[in-house]
Amino acid sequence: MDNKTNYLQQANRLGLFFIILFIICFLWFYINPIEKELHQQLFRLTFFGFSDMSVIGFISGLVQSYVWGYVFIGIWKVVSGIGGFKDNN
């Protein structure tokens, strides 16, 4: 398997994992309504342009969660390449 395919698979998996985490956090806002303001502030800090717990905020958070997977794997690849770590895959 070439390096680009490996990168895309890893980024896709991490992006999907982040989407699942986002959905759990979004639902937790309604399941456990304690500290709602703190919950919203954390969403605003994590996601660009997040304004409210609405459908638009949900869709925006899903897209950004998936993109963060690609960003983090890209950073990981660059840092591991600079550090001289060997990719076993």
PDB file of N, CA and C in Angstrom:
ATOM      1  N   MET A   1       0.857  -1.177   0.000  1.00  0.00           N
ATOM      2  CA  MET A   1       0.000   0.000   0.000  1.00  0.00           C
ATOM      3  C   MET A   1       0.903   1.240   0.000  1.00  0.00           C
ATOM      4  N   ASP A   2       0.613   2.167  -0.868  1.00  0.00           N
ATOM      5  CA  ASP A   2       1.463   3.354  -0.938  1.00  0.00           C
ATOM      6  C   ASP A   2       1.129   4.337   0.185  1.00  0.00           C
ATOM      7  N   ASN A   3       1.999   5.317   0.355  1.00  0.00           N
ATOM      8  CA  ASN A   3       1.910   6.248   1.481  1.00  0.00           C
ATOM      9  C   ASN A   3       0.660   7.122   1.413  1.00  0.00           C
ATOM     10  N   LYS A   4       0.256   7.511   0.186  1.00  0.00           N
ATOM     11  CA  LYS A   4      -0.924   8.375   0.050  1.00  0.00           C
ATOM     12  C   LYS A   4      -2.194   7.637   0.453  1.00  0.00           C
ATOM     13  N   THR A   5      -2.320   6.381   0.033  1.00  0.00           N
ATOM     14  CA  THR A   5      -3.494   5.591   0.396  1.00  0.00           C
ATOM     15  C   THR A   5      -3.541   5.369   1.905  1.00  0.00           C
ATOM     16  N   ASN A   6      -2.377   5.109   2.493  1.00  0.00           N
ATOM     17  CA  ASN A   6      -2.295   4.927   3.934  1.00  0.00           C
ATOM     18  C   ASN A   6      -2.738   6.192   4.658  1.00  0.00           C
ATOM     19  N   TYR A   7      -2.281   7.355   4.183  1.00  0.00           N
ATOM     20  CA  TYR A   7      -2.672   8.624   4.782  1.00  0.00           C
ATOM     21  C   TYR A   7      -4.187   8.822   4.695  1.00  0.00           C
ATOM     22  N   LEU A   8      -4.762   8.556   3.533  1.00  0.00           N
ATOM     23  CA  LEU A   8      -6.200   8.757   3.337  1.00  0.00           C
ATOM     24  C   LEU A   8      -7.021   7.825   4.216  1.00  0.00           C
ATOM     25  N   GLN A   9      -6.577   6.573   4.359  1.00  0.00           N
ATOM     26  CA  GLN A   9      -7.305   5.635   5.212  1.00  0.00           C
ATOM     27  C   GLN A   9      -7.248   6.063   6.677  1.00  0.00           C
ATOM     28  N   GLN A  10      -6.054   6.440   7.138  1.00  0.00           N
ATOM     29  CA  GLN A  10      -5.914   6.864   8.531  1.00  0.00           C
ATOM     30  C   GLN A  10      -6.718   8.124   8.802  1.00  0.00           C
ATOM     31  N   ALA A  11      -6.654   9.098   7.893  1.00  0.00           N
ATOM     32  CA  ALA A  11      -7.380  10.350   8.080  1.00  0.00           C
ATOM     33  C   ALA A  11      -8.887  10.114   8.052  1.00  0.00           C
ATOM     34  N   ASN A  12      -9.343   9.238   7.170  1.00  0.00           N
ATOM     35  CA  ASN A  12     -10.771   8.928   7.099  1.00  0.00           C
ATOM     36  C   ASN A  12     -11.246   8.280   8.398  1.00  0.00           C
ATOM     37  N   ARG A  13     -10.487   7.338   8.902  1.00  0.00           N
ATOM     38  CA  ARG A  13     -10.874   6.667  10.153  1.00  0.00           C
ATOM     39  C   ARG A  13     -10.902   7.648  11.324  1.00  0.00           C
ATOM     40  N   LEU A  14      -9.882   8.492  11.420  1.00  0.00           N
ATOM     41  CA  LEU A  14      -9.853   9.459  12.515  1.00  0.00           C
ATOM     42  C   LEU A  14     -10.982  10.475  12.362  1.00  0.00           C
ATOM     43  N   GLY A  15     -11.260  10.904  11.128  1.00  0.00           N
ATOM     44  CA  GLY A  15     -12.359  11.832  10.882  1.00  0.00           C
ATOM     45  C   GLY A  15     -13.700  11.245  11.293  1.00  0.00           C
ATOM     46  N   LEU A  16     -13.927   9.982  10.974  1.00  0.00           N
ATOM     47  CA  LEU A  16     -15.170   9.323  11.372  1.00  0.00           C
ATOM     48  C   LEU A  16     -15.250   9.164  12.888  1.00  0.00           C
ATOM     49  N   PHE A  17     -14.122   8.883  13.519  1.00  0.00           N
ATOM     50  CA  PHE A  17     -14.085   8.797  14.977  1.00  0.00           C
ATOM     51  C   PHE A  17     -14.437  10.150  15.602  1.00  0.00           C
ATOM     52  N   PHE A  18     -13.888  11.233  15.051  1.00  0.00           N
ATOM     53  CA  PHE A  18     -14.202  12.575  15.554  1.00  0.00           C
ATOM     54  C   PHE A  18     -15.676  12.915  15.349  1.00  0.00           C
ATOM     55  N   ILE A  19     -16.257  12.465  14.237  1.00  0.00           N
ATOM     56  CA  ILE A  19     -17.684  12.696  13.996  1.00  0.00           C
ATOM     57  C   ILE A  19     -18.516  11.998  15.071  1.00  0.00           C
ATOM     58  N   ILE A  20     -18.162  10.752  15.396  1.00  0.00           N
ATOM     59  CA  ILE A  20     -18.895  10.018  16.434  1.00  0.00           C
ATOM     60  C   ILE A  20     -18.775  10.735  17.776  1.00  0.00           C
ATOM     61  N   LEU A  21     -17.573  11.204  18.100  1.00  0.00           N
ATOM     62  CA  LEU A  21     -17.392  11.952  19.344  1.00  0.00           C
ATOM     63  C   LEU A  21     -18.217  13.237  19.356  1.00  0.00           C
ATOM     64  N   PHE A  22     -18.256  13.932  18.218  1.00  0.00           N
ATOM     65  CA  PHE A  22     -19.039  15.162  18.136  1.00  0.00           C
ATOM     66  C   PHE A  22     -20.517  14.884  18.353  1.00  0.00           C
ATOM     67  N   ILE A  23     -21.026  13.818  17.741  1.00  0.00           N
ATOM     68  CA  ILE A  23     -22.441  13.465  17.902  1.00  0.00           C
ATOM     69  C   ILE A  23     -22.747  13.144  19.368  1.00  0.00           C
ATOM     70  N   ILE A  24     -21.856  12.399  20.017  1.00  0.00           N
ATOM     71  CA  ILE A  24     -22.054  12.078  21.435  1.00  0.00           C
ATOM     72  C   ILE A  24     -22.055  13.351  22.269  1.00  0.00           C
ATOM     73  N   CYS A  25     -21.107  14.250  22.017  1.00  0.00           N
ATOM     74  CA  CYS A  25     -21.050  15.508  22.776  1.00  0.00           C
ATOM     75  C   CYS A  25     -22.275  16.378  22.514  1.00  0.00           C
ATOM     76  N   PHE A  26     -22.715  16.422  21.263  1.00  0.00           N
ATOM     77  CA  PHE A  26     -23.886  17.223  20.911  1.00  0.00           C
ATOM     78  C   PHE A  26     -25.133  16.672  21.601  1.00  0.00           C
ATOM     79  N   LEU A  27     -25.291  15.352  21.588  1.00  0.00           N
ATOM     80  CA  LEU A  27     -26.444  14.747  22.250  1.00  0.00           C
ATOM     81  C   LEU A  27     -26.361  14.897  23.765  1.00  0.00           C
ATOM     82  N   TRP A  28     -25.146  14.864  24.312  1.00  0.00           N
ATOM     83  CA  TRP A  28     -24.969  14.988  25.753  1.00  0.00           C
ATOM     84  C   TRP A  28     -25.466  16.343  26.258  1.00  0.00           C
ATOM     85  N   PHE A  29     -25.391  17.353  25.401  1.00  0.00           N
ATOM     86  CA  PHE A  29     -25.895  18.678  25.740  1.00  0.00           C
ATOM     87  C   PHE A  29     -27.379  18.604  26.110  1.00  0.00           C
ATOM     88  N   TYR A  30     -28.127  17.750  25.417  1.00  0.00           N
ATOM     89  CA  TYR A  30     -29.572  17.614  25.674  1.00  0.00           C
ATOM     90  C   TYR A  30     -29.878  16.531  26.711  1.00  0.00           C
ATOM     91  N   ILE A  31     -29.032  15.507  26.802  1.00  0.00           N
ATOM     92  CA  ILE A  31     -29.267  14.423  27.754  1.00  0.00           C
ATOM     93  C   ILE A  31     -28.984  14.884  29.183  1.00  0.00           C
ATOM     94  N   ASN A  32     -27.882  15.590  29.366  1.00  0.00           N
ATOM     95  CA  ASN A  32     -27.470  16.054  30.695  1.00  0.00           C
ATOM     96  C   ASN A  32     -27.347  17.578  30.660  1.00  0.00           C
ATOM     97  N   PRO A  33     -28.428  18.292  30.923  1.00  0.00           N
ATOM     98  CA  PRO A  33     -28.439  19.745  30.710  1.00  0.00           C
ATOM     99  C   PRO A  33     -27.765  20.576  31.812  1.00  0.00           C
ATOM    100  N   ILE A  34     -26.722  20.050  32.416  1.00  0.00           N
ATOM    101  CA  ILE A  34     -25.978  20.789  33.436  1.00  0.00           C
ATOM    102  C   ILE A  34     -24.836  21.529  32.752  1.00  0.00           C
ATOM    103  N   GLU A  35     -24.590  22.776  33.171  1.00  0.00           N
ATOM    104  CA  GLU A  35     -23.497  23.600  32.615  1.00  0.00           C
ATOM    105  C   GLU A  35     -23.634  23.777  31.102  1.00  0.00           C
ATOM    106  N   LYS A  36     -24.818  24.148  30.651  1.00  0.00           N
ATOM    107  CA  LYS A  36     -25.055  24.330  29.216  1.00  0.00           C
ATOM    108  C   LYS A  36     -24.178  25.422  28.621  1.00  0.00           C
ATOM    109  N   GLU A  37     -23.978  26.501  29.361  1.00  0.00           N
ATOM    110  CA  GLU A  37     -23.167  27.603  28.843  1.00  0.00           C
ATOM    111  C   GLU A  37     -21.718  27.172  28.645  1.00  0.00           C
ATOM    112  N   LEU A  38     -21.183  26.411  29.587  1.00  0.00           N
ATOM    113  CA  LEU A  38     -19.817  25.891  29.445  1.00  0.00           C
ATOM    114  C   LEU A  38     -19.713  24.974  28.235  1.00  0.00           C
ATOM    115  N   HIS A  39     -20.708  24.126  28.061  1.00  0.00           N
ATOM    116  CA  HIS A  39     -20.741  23.208  26.921  1.00  0.00           C
ATOM    117  C   HIS A  39     -20.694  23.988  25.602  1.00  0.00           C
ATOM    118  N   GLN A  40     -21.507  25.033  25.494  1.00  0.00           N
ATOM    119  CA  GLN A  40     -21.518  25.845  24.278  1.00  0.00           C
ATOM    120  C   GLN A  40     -20.209  26.592  24.092  1.00  0.00           C
ATOM    121  N   GLN A  41     -19.604  27.077  25.166  1.00  0.00           N
ATOM    122  CA  GLN A  41     -18.323  27.774  25.061  1.00  0.00           C
ATOM    123  C   GLN A  41     -17.234  26.835  24.552  1.00  0.00           C
ATOM    124  N   LEU A  42     -17.245  25.598  25.014  1.00  0.00           N
ATOM    125  CA  LEU A  42     -16.258  24.629  24.530  1.00  0.00           C
ATOM    126  C   LEU A  42     -16.452  24.330  23.046  1.00  0.00           C
ATOM    127  N   PHE A  43     -17.702  24.238  22.602  1.00  0.00           N
ATOM    128  CA  PHE A  43     -17.960  24.059  21.173  1.00  0.00           C
ATOM    129  C   PHE A  43     -17.461  25.261  20.371  1.00  0.00           C
ATOM    130  N   ARG A  44     -17.681  26.458  20.894  1.00  0.00           N
ATOM    131  CA  ARG A  44     -17.220  27.670  20.190  1.00  0.00           C
ATOM    132  C   ARG A  44     -15.698  27.720  20.109  1.00  0.00           C
ATOM    133  N   LEU A  45     -15.016  27.237  21.138  1.00  0.00           N
ATOM    134  CA  LEU A  45     -13.552  27.212  21.124  1.00  0.00           C
ATOM    135  C   LEU A  45     -13.006  26.175  20.140  1.00  0.00           C
ATOM    136  N   THR A  46     -13.710  25.075  20.002  1.00  0.00           N
ATOM    137  CA  THR A  46     -13.224  23.971  19.185  1.00  0.00           C
ATOM    138  C   THR A  46     -13.557  24.120  17.705  1.00  0.00           C
ATOM    139  N   PHE A  47     -14.734  24.651  17.392  1.00  0.00           N
ATOM    140  CA  PHE A  47     -15.198  24.697  16.009  1.00  0.00           C
ATOM    141  C   PHE A  47     -15.362  26.144  15.544  1.00  0.00           C
ATOM    142  N   PHE A  48     -14.771  26.454  14.405  1.00  0.00           N
ATOM    143  CA  PHE A  48     -14.837  27.797  13.830  1.00  0.00           C
ATOM    144  C   PHE A  48     -16.270  28.143  13.444  1.00  0.00           C
ATOM    145  N   GLY A  49     -16.749  29.285  13.851  1.00  0.00           N
ATOM    146  CA  GLY A  49     -18.059  29.761  13.458  1.00  0.00           C
ATOM    147  C   GLY A  49     -19.217  29.077  14.153  1.00  0.00           C
ATOM    148  N   PHE A  50     -18.956  28.279  15.169  1.00  0.00           N
ATOM    149  CA  PHE A  50     -20.046  27.622  15.887  1.00  0.00           C
ATOM    150  C   PHE A  50     -20.775  28.667  16.709  1.00  0.00           C
ATOM    151  N   SER A  51     -22.088  28.803  16.471  1.00  0.00           N
ATOM    152  CA  SER A  51     -22.818  29.856  17.160  1.00  0.00           C
ATOM    153  C   SER A  51     -23.853  29.325  18.143  1.00  0.00           C
ATOM    154  N   ASP A  52     -24.525  28.253  17.791  1.00  0.00           N
ATOM    155  CA  ASP A  52     -25.608  27.788  18.651  1.00  0.00           C
ATOM    156  C   ASP A  52     -25.839  26.304  18.432  1.00  0.00           C
ATOM    157  N   MET A  53     -26.567  25.689  19.349  1.00  0.00           N
ATOM    158  CA  MET A  53     -26.918  24.278  19.245  1.00  0.00           C
ATOM    159  C   MET A  53     -28.124  24.156  18.317  1.00  0.00           C
ATOM    160  N   SER A  54     -27.881  24.276  17.030  1.00  0.00           N
ATOM    161  CA  SER A  54     -28.943  24.224  16.026  1.00  0.00           C
ATOM    162  C   SER A  54     -28.543  23.241  14.931  1.00  0.00           C
ATOM    163  N   VAL A  55     -29.387  23.102  13.943  1.00  0.00           N
ATOM    164  CA  VAL A  55     -29.092  22.211  12.813  1.00  0.00           C
ATOM    165  C   VAL A  55     -27.856  22.705  12.064  1.00  0.00           C
ATOM    166  N   ILE A  56     -27.754  24.007  11.866  1.00  0.00           N
ATOM    167  CA  ILE A  56     -26.589  24.570  11.171  1.00  0.00           C
ATOM    168  C   ILE A  56     -25.321  24.320  11.983  1.00  0.00           C
ATOM    169  N   GLY A  57     -25.397  24.515  13.297  1.00  0.00           N
ATOM    170  CA  GLY A  57     -24.245  24.243  14.159  1.00  0.00           C
ATOM    171  C   GLY A  57     -23.861  22.776  14.144  1.00  0.00           C
ATOM    172  N   PHE A  58     -24.861  21.905  14.088  1.00  0.00           N
ATOM    173  CA  PHE A  58     -24.615  20.468  14.047  1.00  0.00           C
ATOM    174  C   PHE A  58     -23.904  20.066  12.756  1.00  0.00           C
ATOM    175  N   ILE A  59     -24.411  20.536  11.630  1.00  0.00           N
ATOM    176  CA  ILE A  59     -23.798  20.202  10.332  1.00  0.00           C
ATOM    177  C   ILE A  59     -22.394  20.782  10.232  1.00  0.00           C
ATOM    178  N   SER A  60     -22.234  22.019  10.667  1.00  0.00           N
ATOM    179  CA  SER A  60     -20.915  22.645  10.658  1.00  0.00           C
ATOM    180  C   SER A  60     -19.935  21.863  11.529  1.00  0.00           C
ATOM    181  N   GLY A  61     -20.375  21.428  12.684  1.00  0.00           N
ATOM    182  CA  GLY A  61     -19.522  20.642  13.575  1.00  0.00           C
ATOM    183  C   GLY A  61     -19.153  19.289  12.989  1.00  0.00           C
ATOM    184  N   LEU A  62     -20.098  18.651  12.301  1.00  0.00           N
ATOM    185  CA  LEU A  62     -19.798  17.370  11.659  1.00  0.00           C
ATOM    186  C   LEU A  62     -18.718  17.517  10.594  1.00  0.00           C
ATOM    187  N   VAL A  63     -18.878  18.519   9.744  1.00  0.00           N
ATOM    188  CA  VAL A  63     -17.903  18.742   8.667  1.00  0.00           C
ATOM    189  C   VAL A  63     -16.532  19.071   9.251  1.00  0.00           C
ATOM    190  N   GLN A  64     -16.505  19.959  10.229  1.00  0.00           N
ATOM    191  CA  GLN A  64     -15.228  20.341  10.820  1.00  0.00           C
ATOM    192  C   GLN A  64     -14.578  19.181  11.575  1.00  0.00           C
ATOM    193  N   SER A  65     -15.376  18.344  12.219  1.00  0.00           N
ATOM    194  CA  SER A  65     -14.823  17.176  12.901  1.00  0.00           C
ATOM    195  C   SER A  65     -14.118  16.265  11.918  1.00  0.00           C
ATOM    196  N   TYR A  66     -14.741  16.043  10.777  1.00  0.00           N
ATOM    197  CA  TYR A  66     -14.138  15.182   9.752  1.00  0.00           C
ATOM    198  C   TYR A  66     -12.847  15.801   9.212  1.00  0.00           C
ATOM    199  N   VAL A  67     -12.872  17.097   8.967  1.00  0.00           N
ATOM    200  CA  VAL A  67     -11.682  17.777   8.444  1.00  0.00           C
ATOM    201  C   VAL A  67     -10.547  17.747   9.469  1.00  0.00           C
ATOM    202  N   TRP A  68     -10.880  17.878  10.754  1.00  0.00           N
ATOM    203  CA  TRP A  68      -9.841  17.822  11.796  1.00  0.00           C
ATOM    204  C   TRP A  68      -9.099  16.491  11.755  1.00  0.00           C
ATOM    205  N   GLY A  69      -9.752  15.421  11.363  1.00  0.00           N
ATOM    206  CA  GLY A  69      -9.078  14.131  11.220  1.00  0.00           C
ATOM    207  C   GLY A  69      -7.953  14.207  10.204  1.00  0.00           C
ATOM    208  N   TYR A  70      -8.203  14.838   9.067  1.00  0.00           N
ATOM    209  CA  TYR A  70      -7.175  14.996   8.037  1.00  0.00           C
ATOM    210  C   TYR A  70      -6.057  15.915   8.507  1.00  0.00           C
ATOM    211  N   VAL A  71      -6.423  16.968   9.223  1.00  0.00           N
ATOM    212  CA  VAL A  71      -5.410  17.906   9.729  1.00  0.00           C
ATOM    213  C   VAL A  71      -4.496  17.201  10.724  1.00  0.00           C
ATOM    214  N   PHE A  72      -5.057  16.479  11.671  1.00  0.00           N
ATOM    215  CA  PHE A  72      -4.243  15.831  12.696  1.00  0.00           C
ATOM    216  C   PHE A  72      -3.350  14.739  12.113  1.00  0.00           C
ATOM    217  N   ILE A  73      -3.865  13.945  11.191  1.00  0.00           N
ATOM    218  CA  ILE A  73      -3.031  12.912  10.574  1.00  0.00           C
ATOM    219  C   ILE A  73      -1.931  13.563   9.734  1.00  0.00           C
ATOM    220  N   GLY A  74      -2.239  14.655   9.053  1.00  0.00           N
ATOM    221  CA  GLY A  74      -1.204  15.372   8.297  1.00  0.00           C
ATOM    222  C   GLY A  74      -0.104  15.881   9.205  1.00  0.00           C
ATOM    223  N   ILE A  75      -0.485  16.465  10.327  1.00  0.00           N
ATOM    224  CA  ILE A  75       0.516  16.943  11.291  1.00  0.00           C
ATOM    225  C   ILE A  75       1.320  15.769  11.836  1.00  0.00           C
ATOM    226  N   TRP A  76       0.645  14.658  12.134  1.00  0.00           N
ATOM    227  CA  TRP A  76       1.330  13.475  12.643  1.00  0.00           C
ATOM    228  C   TRP A  76       2.367  12.973  11.636  1.00  0.00           C
ATOM    229  N   LYS A  77       1.987  12.923  10.355  1.00  0.00           N
ATOM    230  CA  LYS A  77       2.915  12.456   9.318  1.00  0.00           C
ATOM    231  C   LYS A  77       4.125  13.373   9.209  1.00  0.00           C
ATOM    232  N   VAL A  78       3.903  14.687   9.270  1.00  0.00           N
ATOM    233  CA  VAL A  78       5.019  15.631   9.168  1.00  0.00           C
ATOM    234  C   VAL A  78       5.939  15.491  10.374  1.00  0.00           C
ATOM    235  N   VAL A  79       5.371  15.451  11.564  1.00  0.00           N
ATOM    236  CA  VAL A  79       6.184  15.365  12.783  1.00  0.00           C
ATOM    237  C   VAL A  79       6.929  14.035  12.841  1.00  0.00           C
ATOM    238  N   SER A  80       6.274  12.953  12.487  1.00  0.00           N
ATOM    239  CA  SER A  80       6.952  11.658  12.529  1.00  0.00           C
ATOM    240  C   SER A  80       8.028  11.569  11.442  1.00  0.00           C
ATOM    241  N   GLY A  81       7.834  12.268  10.332  1.00  0.00           N
ATOM    242  CA  GLY A  81       8.852  12.306   9.287  1.00  0.00           C
ATOM    243  C   GLY A  81      10.073  13.105   9.716  1.00  0.00           C
ATOM    244  N   ILE A  82       9.846  14.189  10.414  1.00  0.00           N
ATOM    245  CA  ILE A  82      10.951  15.016  10.906  1.00  0.00           C
ATOM    246  C   ILE A  82      11.691  14.274  12.016  1.00  0.00           C
ATOM    247  N   GLY A  83      10.962  13.587  12.855  1.00  0.00           N
ATOM    248  CA  GLY A  83      11.563  12.876  13.981  1.00  0.00           C
ATOM    249  C   GLY A  83      12.269  11.604  13.570  1.00  0.00           C
ATOM    250  N   GLY A  84      12.114  11.184  12.330  1.00  0.00           N
ATOM    251  CA  GLY A  84      12.779   9.982  11.846  1.00  0.00           C
ATOM    252  C   GLY A  84      12.077   8.685  12.223  1.00  0.00           C
ATOM    253  N   PHE A  85      10.808   8.765  12.623  1.00  0.00           N
ATOM    254  CA  PHE A  85      10.068   7.550  12.949  1.00  0.00           C
ATOM    255  C   PHE A  85       9.735   6.814  11.682  1.00  0.00           C
ATOM    256  N   LYS A  86       9.761   5.509  11.748  1.00  0.00           N
ATOM    257  CA  LYS A  86       9.505   4.670  10.592  1.00  0.00           C
ATOM    258  C   LYS A  86       8.026   4.300  10.557  1.00  0.00           C
ATOM    259  N   ASP A  87       7.402   4.427   9.390  1.00  0.00           N
ATOM    260  CA  ASP A  87       6.004   4.025   9.226  1.00  0.00           C
ATOM    261  C   ASP A  87       5.979   2.556   8.831  1.00  0.00           C
ATOM    262  N   ASN A  88       5.397   1.710   9.674  1.00  0.00           N
ATOM    263  CA  ASN A  88       5.399   0.268   9.433  1.00  0.00           C
ATOM    264  C   ASN A  88       4.442  -0.162   8.345  1.00  0.00           C
ATOM    265  N   ASN A  89       3.468   0.668   8.008  1.00  0.00           N
ATOM    266  CA  ASN A  89       2.466   0.272   7.010  1.00  0.00           C
ATOM    267  C   ASN A  89       2.917   0.605   5.638  1.00  0.00           C
TER     268      ASN A  89
END
